[in-house]
Amino acid sequence: METVTPALWPALLFGPLTALGQHFERLAGVLEFVVAVW
């Protein structure tokens, strides 16, 4: 549990990517995929 949590840091980027998706849908989709793989 203590070691899994640091791997979740990139999930903080999903909020700004959601806001970005309102203007640049494809770019936000690609970046969300990159964050998910990260």
PDB file of all heavy atoms in Angstrom:
ATOM      1  N   MET A   1       0.830  -1.209   0.000  1.00  0.00           N
ATOM      2  CA  MET A   1       0.000   0.000   0.000  1.00  0.00           C
ATOM      3  C   MET A   1       0.864   1.259   0.000  1.00  0.00           C
ATOM      4  O   MET A   1       0.567   2.223  -0.706  1.00  0.00           O
ATOM      5  CB  MET A   1      -0.919   0.007   1.213  1.00  0.00           C
ATOM      6  CG  MET A   1      -2.042  -0.986   1.127  1.00  0.00           C
ATOM      7  SD  MET A   1      -3.120  -0.927   2.549  1.00  0.00           S
ATOM      8  CE  MET A   1      -4.116   0.488   2.151  1.00  0.00           C
ATOM      9  N   GLU A   2       1.928   1.247   0.778  1.00  0.00           N
ATOM     10  CA  GLU A   2       2.788   2.423   0.876  1.00  0.00           C
ATOM     11  C   GLU A   2       3.603   2.655  -0.392  1.00  0.00           C
ATOM     12  O   GLU A   2       3.955   3.787  -0.699  1.00  0.00           O
ATOM     13  CB  GLU A   2       3.729   2.280   2.067  1.00  0.00           C
ATOM     14  CG  GLU A   2       3.023   2.342   3.400  1.00  0.00           C
ATOM     15  CD  GLU A   2       3.927   2.021   4.571  1.00  0.00           C
ATOM     16  OE1 GLU A   2       5.086   1.601   4.348  1.00  0.00           O
ATOM     17  OE2 GLU A   2       3.476   2.171   5.716  1.00  0.00           O
ATOM     18  N   THR A   3       3.897   1.590  -1.141  1.00  0.00           N
ATOM     19  CA  THR A   3       4.728   1.731  -2.330  1.00  0.00           C
ATOM     20  C   THR A   3       3.896   1.958  -3.587  1.00  0.00           C
ATOM     21  O   THR A   3       4.379   2.553  -4.537  1.00  0.00           O
ATOM     22  CB  THR A   3       5.621   0.486  -2.508  1.00  0.00           C
ATOM     23  OG1 THR A   3       6.306   0.238  -1.287  1.00  0.00           O
ATOM     24  CG2 THR A   3       6.643   0.679  -3.587  1.00  0.00           C
ATOM     25  N   VAL A   4       2.653   1.499  -3.574  1.00  0.00           N
ATOM     26  CA  VAL A   4       1.783   1.709  -4.728  1.00  0.00           C
ATOM     27  C   VAL A   4       1.406   3.178  -4.866  1.00  0.00           C
ATOM     28  O   VAL A   4       1.295   3.704  -5.972  1.00  0.00           O
ATOM     29  CB  VAL A   4       0.525   0.812  -4.606  1.00  0.00           C
ATOM     30  CG1 VAL A   4      -0.605   1.298  -5.482  1.00  0.00           C
ATOM     31  CG2 VAL A   4       0.878  -0.616  -4.959  1.00  0.00           C
ATOM     32  N   THR A   5       1.241   3.867  -3.764  1.00  0.00           N
ATOM     33  CA  THR A   5       0.762   5.248  -3.798  1.00  0.00           C
ATOM     34  C   THR A   5       1.674   6.194  -4.586  1.00  0.00           C
ATOM     35  O   THR A   5       1.158   7.032  -5.331  1.00  0.00           O
ATOM     36  CB  THR A   5       0.550   5.776  -2.369  1.00  0.00           C
ATOM     37  OG1 THR A   5      -0.177   4.806  -1.624  1.00  0.00           O
ATOM     38  CG2 THR A   5      -0.238   7.058  -2.377  1.00  0.00           C
ATOM     39  N   PRO A   6       3.010   6.119  -4.490  1.00  0.00           N
ATOM     40  CA  PRO A   6       3.836   7.037  -5.300  1.00  0.00           C
ATOM     41  C   PRO A   6       3.644   6.859  -6.800  1.00  0.00           C
ATOM     42  O   PRO A   6       3.872   7.789  -7.559  1.00  0.00           O
ATOM     43  CB  PRO A   6       5.271   6.700  -4.905  1.00  0.00           C
ATOM     44  CG  PRO A   6       5.176   6.067  -3.586  1.00  0.00           C
ATOM     45  CD  PRO A   6       3.854   5.372  -3.546  1.00  0.00           C
ATOM     46  N   ALA A   7       3.202   5.675  -7.225  1.00  0.00           N
ATOM     47  CA  ALA A   7       2.963   5.461  -8.651  1.00  0.00           C
ATOM     48  C   ALA A   7       1.733   6.214  -9.141  1.00  0.00           C
ATOM     49  O   ALA A   7       1.534   6.365 -10.346  1.00  0.00           O
ATOM     50  CB  ALA A   7       2.805   3.968  -8.929  1.00  0.00           C
ATOM     51  N   LEU A   8       0.913   6.712  -8.223  1.00  0.00           N
ATOM     52  CA  LEU A   8      -0.316   7.403  -8.599  1.00  0.00           C
ATOM     53  C   LEU A   8      -0.141   8.909  -8.786  1.00  0.00           C
ATOM     54  O   LEU A   8      -1.102   9.600  -9.124  1.00  0.00           O
ATOM     55  CB  LEU A   8      -1.398   7.149  -7.542  1.00  0.00           C
ATOM     56  CG  LEU A   8      -1.773   5.690  -7.320  1.00  0.00           C
ATOM     57  CD1 LEU A   8      -2.784   5.586  -6.204  1.00  0.00           C
ATOM     58  CD2 LEU A   8      -2.293   5.065  -8.592  1.00  0.00           C
ATOM     59  N   TRP A   9       1.059   9.448  -8.555  1.00  0.00           N
ATOM     60  CA  TRP A   9       1.289  10.887  -8.712  1.00  0.00           C
ATOM     61  C   TRP A   9       0.845  11.418 -10.068  1.00  0.00           C
ATOM     62  O   TRP A   9       0.231  12.479 -10.134  1.00  0.00           O
ATOM     63  CB  TRP A   9       2.769  11.219  -8.524  1.00  0.00           C
ATOM     64  CG  TRP A   9       3.201  11.316  -7.110  1.00  0.00           C
ATOM     65  CD1 TRP A   9       4.023  10.451  -6.462  1.00  0.00           C
ATOM     66  CD2 TRP A   9       2.858  12.324  -6.157  1.00  0.00           C
ATOM     67  NE1 TRP A   9       4.205  10.856  -5.174  1.00  0.00           N
ATOM     68  CE2 TRP A   9       3.498  12.010  -4.958  1.00  0.00           C
ATOM     69  CE3 TRP A   9       2.080  13.459  -6.212  1.00  0.00           C
ATOM     70  CZ2 TRP A   9       3.387  12.779  -3.828  1.00  0.00           C
ATOM     71  CZ3 TRP A   9       1.952  14.236  -5.085  1.00  0.00           C
ATOM     72  CH2 TRP A   9       2.609  13.893  -3.901  1.00  0.00           C
ATOM     73  N   PRO A  10       1.133  10.719 -11.171  1.00  0.00           N
ATOM     74  CA  PRO A  10       0.733  11.279 -12.469  1.00  0.00           C
ATOM     75  C   PRO A  10      -0.780  11.447 -12.623  1.00  0.00           C
ATOM     76  O   PRO A  10      -1.218  12.209 -13.481  1.00  0.00           O
ATOM     77  CB  PRO A  10       1.270  10.266 -13.481  1.00  0.00           C
ATOM     78  CG  PRO A  10       2.354   9.552 -12.769  1.00  0.00           C
ATOM     79  CD  PRO A  10       1.966   9.528 -11.338  1.00  0.00           C
ATOM     80  N   ALA A  11      -1.572  10.784 -11.814  1.00  0.00           N
ATOM     81  CA  ALA A  11      -3.028  10.922 -11.915  1.00  0.00           C
ATOM     82  C   ALA A  11      -3.486  12.342 -11.595  1.00  0.00           C
ATOM     83  O   ALA A  11      -4.600  12.722 -11.954  1.00  0.00           O
ATOM     84  CB  ALA A  11      -3.717   9.914 -10.992  1.00  0.00           C
ATOM     85  N   LEU A  12      -2.648  13.127 -10.943  1.00  0.00           N
ATOM     86  CA  LEU A  12      -2.987  14.525 -10.688  1.00  0.00           C
ATOM     87  C   LEU A  12      -3.108  15.322 -11.988  1.00  0.00           C
ATOM     88  O   LEU A  12      -3.728  16.376 -12.014  1.00  0.00           O
ATOM     89  CB  LEU A  12      -1.942  15.182  -9.787  1.00  0.00           C
ATOM     90  CG  LEU A  12      -1.917  14.713  -8.340  1.00  0.00           C
ATOM     91  CD1 LEU A  12      -0.711  15.284  -7.616  1.00  0.00           C
ATOM     92  CD2 LEU A  12      -3.197  15.114  -7.640  1.00  0.00           C
ATOM     93  N   LEU A  13      -2.543  14.809 -13.063  1.00  0.00           N
ATOM     94  CA  LEU A  13      -2.605  15.514 -14.344  1.00  0.00           C
ATOM     95  C   LEU A  13      -3.936  15.317 -15.062  1.00  0.00           C
ATOM     96  O   LEU A  13      -4.230  16.039 -16.013  1.00  0.00           O
ATOM     97  CB  LEU A  13      -1.465  15.041 -15.254  1.00  0.00           C
ATOM     98  CG  LEU A  13      -0.058  15.308 -14.741  1.00  0.00           C
ATOM     99  CD1 LEU A  13       0.962  14.655 -15.650  1.00  0.00           C
ATOM    100  CD2 LEU A  13       0.186  16.793 -14.633  1.00  0.00           C
ATOM    101  N   PHE A  14      -4.761  14.358 -14.618  1.00  0.00           N
ATOM    102  CA  PHE A  14      -6.033  14.121 -15.293  1.00  0.00           C
ATOM    103  C   PHE A  14      -6.976  15.316 -15.176  1.00  0.00           C
ATOM    104  O   PHE A  14      -7.750  15.580 -16.095  1.00  0.00           O
ATOM    105  CB  PHE A  14      -6.714  12.858 -14.762  1.00  0.00           C
ATOM    106  CG  PHE A  14      -6.122  11.587 -15.292  1.00  0.00           C
ATOM    107  CD1 PHE A  14      -5.786  10.559 -14.436  1.00  0.00           C
ATOM    108  CD2 PHE A  14      -5.915  11.407 -16.645  1.00  0.00           C
ATOM    109  CE1 PHE A  14      -5.248   9.382 -14.917  1.00  0.00           C
ATOM    110  CE2 PHE A  14      -5.368  10.239 -17.139  1.00  0.00           C
ATOM    111  CZ  PHE A  14      -5.038   9.220 -16.277  1.00  0.00           C
ATOM    112  N   GLY A  15      -6.943  16.036 -14.055  1.00  0.00           N
ATOM    113  CA  GLY A  15      -7.796  17.212 -13.907  1.00  0.00           C
ATOM    114  C   GLY A  15      -7.490  18.286 -14.932  1.00  0.00           C
ATOM    115  O   GLY A  15      -8.389  18.735 -15.671  1.00  0.00           O
ATOM    116  N   PRO A  16      -6.233  18.730 -15.038  1.00  0.00           N
ATOM    117  CA  PRO A  16      -5.920  19.723 -16.076  1.00  0.00           C
ATOM    118  C   PRO A  16      -6.142  19.202 -17.497  1.00  0.00           C
ATOM    119  O   PRO A  16      -6.525  19.956 -18.380  1.00  0.00           O
ATOM    120  CB  PRO A  16      -4.437  20.027 -15.849  1.00  0.00           C
ATOM    121  CG  PRO A  16      -4.184  19.670 -14.439  1.00  0.00           C
ATOM    122  CD  PRO A  16      -5.109  18.541 -14.119  1.00  0.00           C
ATOM    123  N   LEU A  17      -5.943  17.895 -17.708  1.00  0.00           N
ATOM    124  CA  LEU A  17      -6.168  17.350 -19.045  1.00  0.00           C
ATOM    125  C   LEU A  17      -7.655  17.345 -19.403  1.00  0.00           C
ATOM    126  O   LEU A  17      -8.010  17.486 -20.574  1.00  0.00           O
ATOM    127  CB  LEU A  17      -5.587  15.935 -19.156  1.00  0.00           C
ATOM    128  CG  LEU A  17      -4.069  15.867 -19.181  1.00  0.00           C
ATOM    129  CD1 LEU A  17      -3.597  14.426 -19.200  1.00  0.00           C
ATOM    130  CD2 LEU A  17      -3.510  16.636 -20.355  1.00  0.00           C
ATOM    131  N   THR A  18      -8.516  17.201 -18.404  1.00  0.00           N
ATOM    132  CA  THR A  18      -9.953  17.293 -18.650  1.00  0.00           C
ATOM    133  C   THR A  18     -10.308  18.707 -19.098  1.00  0.00           C
ATOM    134  O   THR A  18     -11.103  18.893 -20.025  1.00  0.00           O
ATOM    135  CB  THR A  18     -10.741  16.921 -17.382  1.00  0.00           C
ATOM    136  OG1 THR A  18     -10.395  15.581 -17.004  1.00  0.00           O
ATOM    137  CG2 THR A  18     -12.230  17.005 -17.607  1.00  0.00           C
ATOM    138  N   ALA A  19      -9.715  19.707 -18.450  1.00  0.00           N
ATOM    139  CA  ALA A  19      -9.957  21.092 -18.862  1.00  0.00           C
ATOM    140  C   ALA A  19      -9.381  21.354 -20.260  1.00  0.00           C
ATOM    141  O   ALA A  19     -10.002  22.053 -21.070  1.00  0.00           O
ATOM    142  CB  ALA A  19      -9.346  22.054 -17.853  1.00  0.00           C
ATOM    143  N   LEU A  20      -8.230  20.774 -20.553  1.00  0.00           N
ATOM    144  CA  LEU A  20      -7.632  20.927 -21.873  1.00  0.00           C
ATOM    145  C   LEU A  20      -8.492  20.272 -22.941  1.00  0.00           C
ATOM    146  O   LEU A  20      -8.575  20.757 -24.072  1.00  0.00           O
ATOM    147  CB  LEU A  20      -6.219  20.327 -21.885  1.00  0.00           C
ATOM    148  CG  LEU A  20      -5.448  20.377 -23.192  1.00  0.00           C
ATOM    149  CD1 LEU A  20      -5.065  21.816 -23.506  1.00  0.00           C
ATOM    150  CD2 LEU A  20      -4.226  19.492 -23.114  1.00  0.00           C
ATOM    151  N   GLY A  21      -9.164  19.187 -22.583  1.00  0.00           N
ATOM    152  CA  GLY A  21      -9.990  18.456 -23.537  1.00  0.00           C
ATOM    153  C   GLY A  21     -11.176  19.240 -24.052  1.00  0.00           C
ATOM    154  O   GLY A  21     -11.724  18.918 -25.103  1.00  0.00           O
ATOM    155  N   GLN A  22     -11.579  20.280 -23.360  1.00  0.00           N
ATOM    156  CA  GLN A  22     -12.684  21.097 -23.841  1.00  0.00           C
ATOM    157  C   GLN A  22     -12.287  21.912 -25.066  1.00  0.00           C
ATOM    158  O   GLN A  22     -13.144  22.281 -25.869  1.00  0.00           O
ATOM    159  CB  GLN A  22     -13.175  22.019 -22.730  1.00  0.00           C
ATOM    160  CG  GLN A  22     -13.801  21.262 -21.585  1.00  0.00           C
ATOM    161  CD  GLN A  22     -14.194  22.169 -20.429  1.00  0.00           C
ATOM    162  OE1 GLN A  22     -13.879  23.353 -20.426  1.00  0.00           O
ATOM    163  NE2 GLN A  22     -14.874  21.601 -19.446  1.00  0.00           N
ATOM    164  N   HIS A  23     -10.990  22.179 -25.222  1.00  0.00           N
ATOM    165  CA  HIS A  23     -10.523  22.978 -26.349  1.00  0.00           C
ATOM    166  C   HIS A  23      -9.720  22.156 -27.355  1.00  0.00           C
ATOM    167  O   HIS A  23      -9.778  22.416 -28.547  1.00  0.00           O
ATOM    168  CB  HIS A  23      -9.666  24.152 -25.855  1.00  0.00           C
ATOM    169  CG  HIS A  23     -10.411  25.053 -24.918  1.00  0.00           C
ATOM    170  ND1 HIS A  23     -11.431  25.871 -25.332  1.00  0.00           N
ATOM    171  CD2 HIS A  23     -10.292  25.237 -23.584  1.00  0.00           C
ATOM    172  CE1 HIS A  23     -11.912  26.533 -24.292  1.00  0.00           C
ATOM    173  NE2 HIS A  23     -11.228  26.167 -23.214  1.00  0.00           N
ATOM    174  N   PHE A  24      -8.944  21.191 -26.865  1.00  0.00           N
ATOM    175  CA  PHE A  24      -8.088  20.357 -27.719  1.00  0.00           C
ATOM    176  C   PHE A  24      -8.359  18.893 -27.387  1.00  0.00           C
ATOM    177  O   PHE A  24      -7.601  18.261 -26.649  1.00  0.00           O
ATOM    178  CB  PHE A  24      -6.610  20.682 -27.497  1.00  0.00           C
ATOM    179  CG  PHE A  24      -6.279  22.129 -27.708  1.00  0.00           C
ATOM    180  CD1 PHE A  24      -6.099  22.972 -26.627  1.00  0.00           C
ATOM    181  CD2 PHE A  24      -6.153  22.640 -28.985  1.00  0.00           C
ATOM    182  CE1 PHE A  24      -5.782  24.304 -26.804  1.00  0.00           C
ATOM    183  CE2 PHE A  24      -5.835  23.975 -29.173  1.00  0.00           C
ATOM    184  CZ  PHE A  24      -5.654  24.815 -28.084  1.00  0.00           C
ATOM    185  N   GLU A  25      -9.421  18.365 -27.956  1.00  0.00           N
ATOM    186  CA  GLU A  25      -9.889  17.035 -27.570  1.00  0.00           C
ATOM    187  C   GLU A  25      -8.886  15.933 -27.907  1.00  0.00           C
ATOM    188  O   GLU A  25      -8.608  15.060 -27.093  1.00  0.00           O
ATOM    189  CB  GLU A  25     -11.222  16.760 -28.253  1.00  0.00           C
ATOM    190  CG  GLU A  25     -11.919  15.523 -27.750  1.00  0.00           C
ATOM    191  CD  GLU A  25     -13.304  15.390 -28.337  1.00  0.00           C
ATOM    192  OE1 GLU A  25     -13.954  16.410 -28.600  1.00  0.00           O
ATOM    193  OE2 GLU A  25     -13.720  14.236 -28.545  1.00  0.00           O
ATOM    194  N   ARG A  26      -8.331  15.955 -29.098  1.00  0.00           N
ATOM    195  CA  ARG A  26      -7.409  14.890 -29.513  1.00  0.00           C
ATOM    196  C   ARG A  26      -6.103  14.936 -28.722  1.00  0.00           C
ATOM    197  O   ARG A  26      -5.588  13.904 -28.309  1.00  0.00           O
ATOM    198  CB  ARG A  26      -7.124  14.983 -30.998  1.00  0.00           C
ATOM    199  CG  ARG A  26      -8.303  14.589 -31.826  1.00  0.00           C
ATOM    200  CD  ARG A  26      -7.975  14.580 -33.282  1.00  0.00           C
ATOM    201  NE  ARG A  26      -9.184  14.294 -34.037  1.00  0.00           N
ATOM    202  CZ  ARG A  26      -9.267  14.382 -35.324  1.00  0.00           C
ATOM    203  NH1 ARG A  26      -8.208  14.741 -36.034  1.00  0.00           N
ATOM    204  NH2 ARG A  26     -10.388  14.110 -35.944  1.00  0.00           N
ATOM    205  N   LEU A  27      -5.573  16.118 -28.535  1.00  0.00           N
ATOM    206  CA  LEU A  27      -4.338  16.262 -27.773  1.00  0.00           C
ATOM    207  C   LEU A  27      -4.540  15.786 -26.341  1.00  0.00           C
ATOM    208  O   LEU A  27      -3.699  15.065 -25.796  1.00  0.00           O
ATOM    209  CB  LEU A  27      -3.864  17.715 -27.784  1.00  0.00           C
ATOM    210  CG  LEU A  27      -2.620  18.024 -26.953  1.00  0.00           C
ATOM    211  CD1 LEU A  27      -1.416  17.283 -27.503  1.00  0.00           C
ATOM    212  CD2 LEU A  27      -2.367  19.515 -26.903  1.00  0.00           C
ATOM    213  N   ALA A  28      -5.654  16.157 -25.735  1.00  0.00           N
ATOM    214  CA  ALA A  28      -5.948  15.723 -24.368  1.00  0.00           C
ATOM    215  C   ALA A  28      -6.107  14.216 -24.308  1.00  0.00           C
ATOM    216  O   ALA A  28      -5.650  13.580 -23.354  1.00  0.00           O
ATOM    217  CB  ALA A  28      -7.204  16.416 -23.847  1.00  0.00           C
ATOM    218  N   GLY A  29      -6.726  13.619 -25.316  1.00  0.00           N
ATOM    219  CA  GLY A  29      -6.884  12.163 -25.347  1.00  0.00           C
ATOM    220  C   GLY A  29      -5.549  11.439 -25.403  1.00  0.00           C
ATOM    221  O   GLY A  29      -5.331  10.455 -24.711  1.00  0.00           O
ATOM    222  N   VAL A  30      -4.647  11.941 -26.238  1.00  0.00           N
ATOM    223  CA  VAL A  30      -3.307  11.342 -26.346  1.00  0.00           C
ATOM    224  C   VAL A  30      -2.551  11.497 -25.029  1.00  0.00           C
ATOM    225  O   VAL A  30      -1.929  10.551 -24.545  1.00  0.00           O
ATOM    226  CB  VAL A  30      -2.526  11.969 -27.525  1.00  0.00           C
ATOM    227  CG1 VAL A  30      -1.066  11.560 -27.493  1.00  0.00           C
ATOM    228  CG2 VAL A  30      -3.162  11.572 -28.839  1.00  0.00           C
ATOM    229  N   LEU A  31      -2.615  12.690 -24.444  1.00  0.00           N
ATOM    230  CA  LEU A  31      -1.912  12.922 -23.187  1.00  0.00           C
ATOM    231  C   LEU A  31      -2.510  12.101 -22.035  1.00  0.00           C
ATOM    232  O   LEU A  31      -1.774  11.628 -21.171  1.00  0.00           O
ATOM    233  CB  LEU A  31      -1.904  14.415 -22.852  1.00  0.00           C
ATOM    234  CG  LEU A  31      -1.053  15.284 -23.776  1.00  0.00           C
ATOM    235  CD1 LEU A  31      -1.216  16.752 -23.425  1.00  0.00           C
ATOM    236  CD2 LEU A  31       0.396  14.868 -23.736  1.00  0.00           C
ATOM    237  N   GLU A  32      -3.825  11.912 -22.030  1.00  0.00           N
ATOM    238  CA  GLU A  32      -4.440  11.064 -20.998  1.00  0.00           C
ATOM    239  C   GLU A  32      -3.969   9.621 -21.144  1.00  0.00           C
ATOM    240  O   GLU A  32      -3.740   8.933 -20.150  1.00  0.00           O
ATOM    241  CB  GLU A  32      -5.959  11.147 -21.081  1.00  0.00           C
ATOM    242  CG  GLU A  32      -6.515  12.448 -20.534  1.00  0.00           C
ATOM    243  CD  GLU A  32      -8.006  12.585 -20.739  1.00  0.00           C
ATOM    244  OE1 GLU A  32      -8.623  11.732 -21.422  1.00  0.00           O
ATOM    245  OE2 GLU A  32      -8.562  13.561 -20.208  1.00  0.00           O
ATOM    246  N   PHE A  33      -3.816   9.149 -22.383  1.00  0.00           N
ATOM    247  CA  PHE A  33      -3.291   7.801 -22.605  1.00  0.00           C
ATOM    248  C   PHE A  33      -1.856   7.694 -22.106  1.00  0.00           C
ATOM    249  O   PHE A  33      -1.491   6.702 -21.471  1.00  0.00           O
ATOM    250  CB  PHE A  33      -3.369   7.442 -24.096  1.00  0.00           C
ATOM    251  CG  PHE A  33      -2.774   6.107 -24.417  1.00  0.00           C
ATOM    252  CD1 PHE A  33      -3.445   4.945 -24.083  1.00  0.00           C
ATOM    253  CD2 PHE A  33      -1.537   6.015 -25.036  1.00  0.00           C
ATOM    254  CE1 PHE A  33      -2.892   3.712 -24.367  1.00  0.00           C
ATOM    255  CE2 PHE A  33      -0.979   4.791 -25.322  1.00  0.00           C
ATOM    256  CZ  PHE A  33      -1.657   3.626 -24.989  1.00  0.00           C
ATOM    257  N   VAL A  34      -1.047   8.697 -22.368  1.00  0.00           N
ATOM    258  CA  VAL A  34       0.343   8.705 -21.909  1.00  0.00           C
ATOM    259  C   VAL A  34       0.399   8.670 -20.383  1.00  0.00           C
ATOM    260  O   VAL A  34       1.191   7.922 -19.792  1.00  0.00           O
ATOM    261  CB  VAL A  34       1.103   9.922 -22.472  1.00  0.00           C
ATOM    262  CG1 VAL A  34       2.446  10.119 -21.795  1.00  0.00           C
ATOM    263  CG2 VAL A  34       1.288   9.784 -23.973  1.00  0.00           C
ATOM    264  N   VAL A  35      -0.456   9.448 -19.724  1.00  0.00           N
ATOM    265  CA  VAL A  35      -0.483   9.468 -18.262  1.00  0.00           C
ATOM    266  C   VAL A  35      -0.939   8.109 -17.728  1.00  0.00           C
ATOM    267  O   VAL A  35      -0.393   7.608 -16.733  1.00  0.00           O
ATOM    268  CB  VAL A  35      -1.371  10.621 -17.744  1.00  0.00           C
ATOM    269  CG1 VAL A  35      -1.614  10.510 -16.255  1.00  0.00           C
ATOM    270  CG2 VAL A  35      -0.730  11.956 -18.068  1.00  0.00           C
ATOM    271  N   ALA A  36      -1.921   7.486 -18.376  1.00  0.00           N
ATOM    272  CA  ALA A  36      -2.386   6.165 -17.939  1.00  0.00           C
ATOM    273  C   ALA A  36      -1.276   5.115 -18.056  1.00  0.00           C
ATOM    274  O   ALA A  36      -1.091   4.281 -17.158  1.00  0.00           O
ATOM    275  CB  ALA A  36      -3.611   5.747 -18.743  1.00  0.00           C
ATOM    276  N   VAL A  37      -0.508   5.172 -19.145  1.00  0.00           N
ATOM    277  CA  VAL A  37       0.620   4.243 -19.301  1.00  0.00           C
ATOM    278  C   VAL A  37       1.686   4.545 -18.250  1.00  0.00           C
ATOM    279  O   VAL A  37       2.280   3.612 -17.677  1.00  0.00           O
ATOM    280  CB  VAL A  37       1.198   4.330 -20.735  1.00  0.00           C
ATOM    281  CG1 VAL A  37       2.522   3.599 -20.850  1.00  0.00           C
ATOM    282  CG2 VAL A  37       0.193   3.780 -21.724  1.00  0.00           C
ATOM    283  N   TRP A  38       1.921   5.813 -17.952  1.00  0.00           N
ATOM    284  CA  TRP A  38       2.883   6.212 -16.926  1.00  0.00           C
ATOM    285  C   TRP A  38       2.478   5.635 -15.577  1.00  0.00           C
ATOM    286  O   TRP A  38       3.318   5.109 -14.830  1.00  0.00           O
ATOM    287  CB  TRP A  38       2.936   7.730 -16.892  1.00  0.00           C
ATOM    288  CG  TRP A  38       3.960   8.363 -16.008  1.00  0.00           C
ATOM    289  CD1 TRP A  38       4.944   7.758 -15.285  1.00  0.00           C
ATOM    290  CD2 TRP A  38       4.095   9.758 -15.750  1.00  0.00           C
ATOM    291  NE1 TRP A  38       5.679   8.690 -14.596  1.00  0.00           N
ATOM    292  CE2 TRP A  38       5.177   9.920 -14.869  1.00  0.00           C
ATOM    293  CE3 TRP A  38       3.408  10.871 -16.184  1.00  0.00           C
ATOM    294  CZ2 TRP A  38       5.566  11.170 -14.414  1.00  0.00           C
ATOM    295  CZ3 TRP A  38       3.816  12.112 -15.734  1.00  0.00           C
ATOM    296  CH2 TRP A  38       4.891  12.247 -14.850  1.00  0.00           C
TER     297      TRP A  38
END
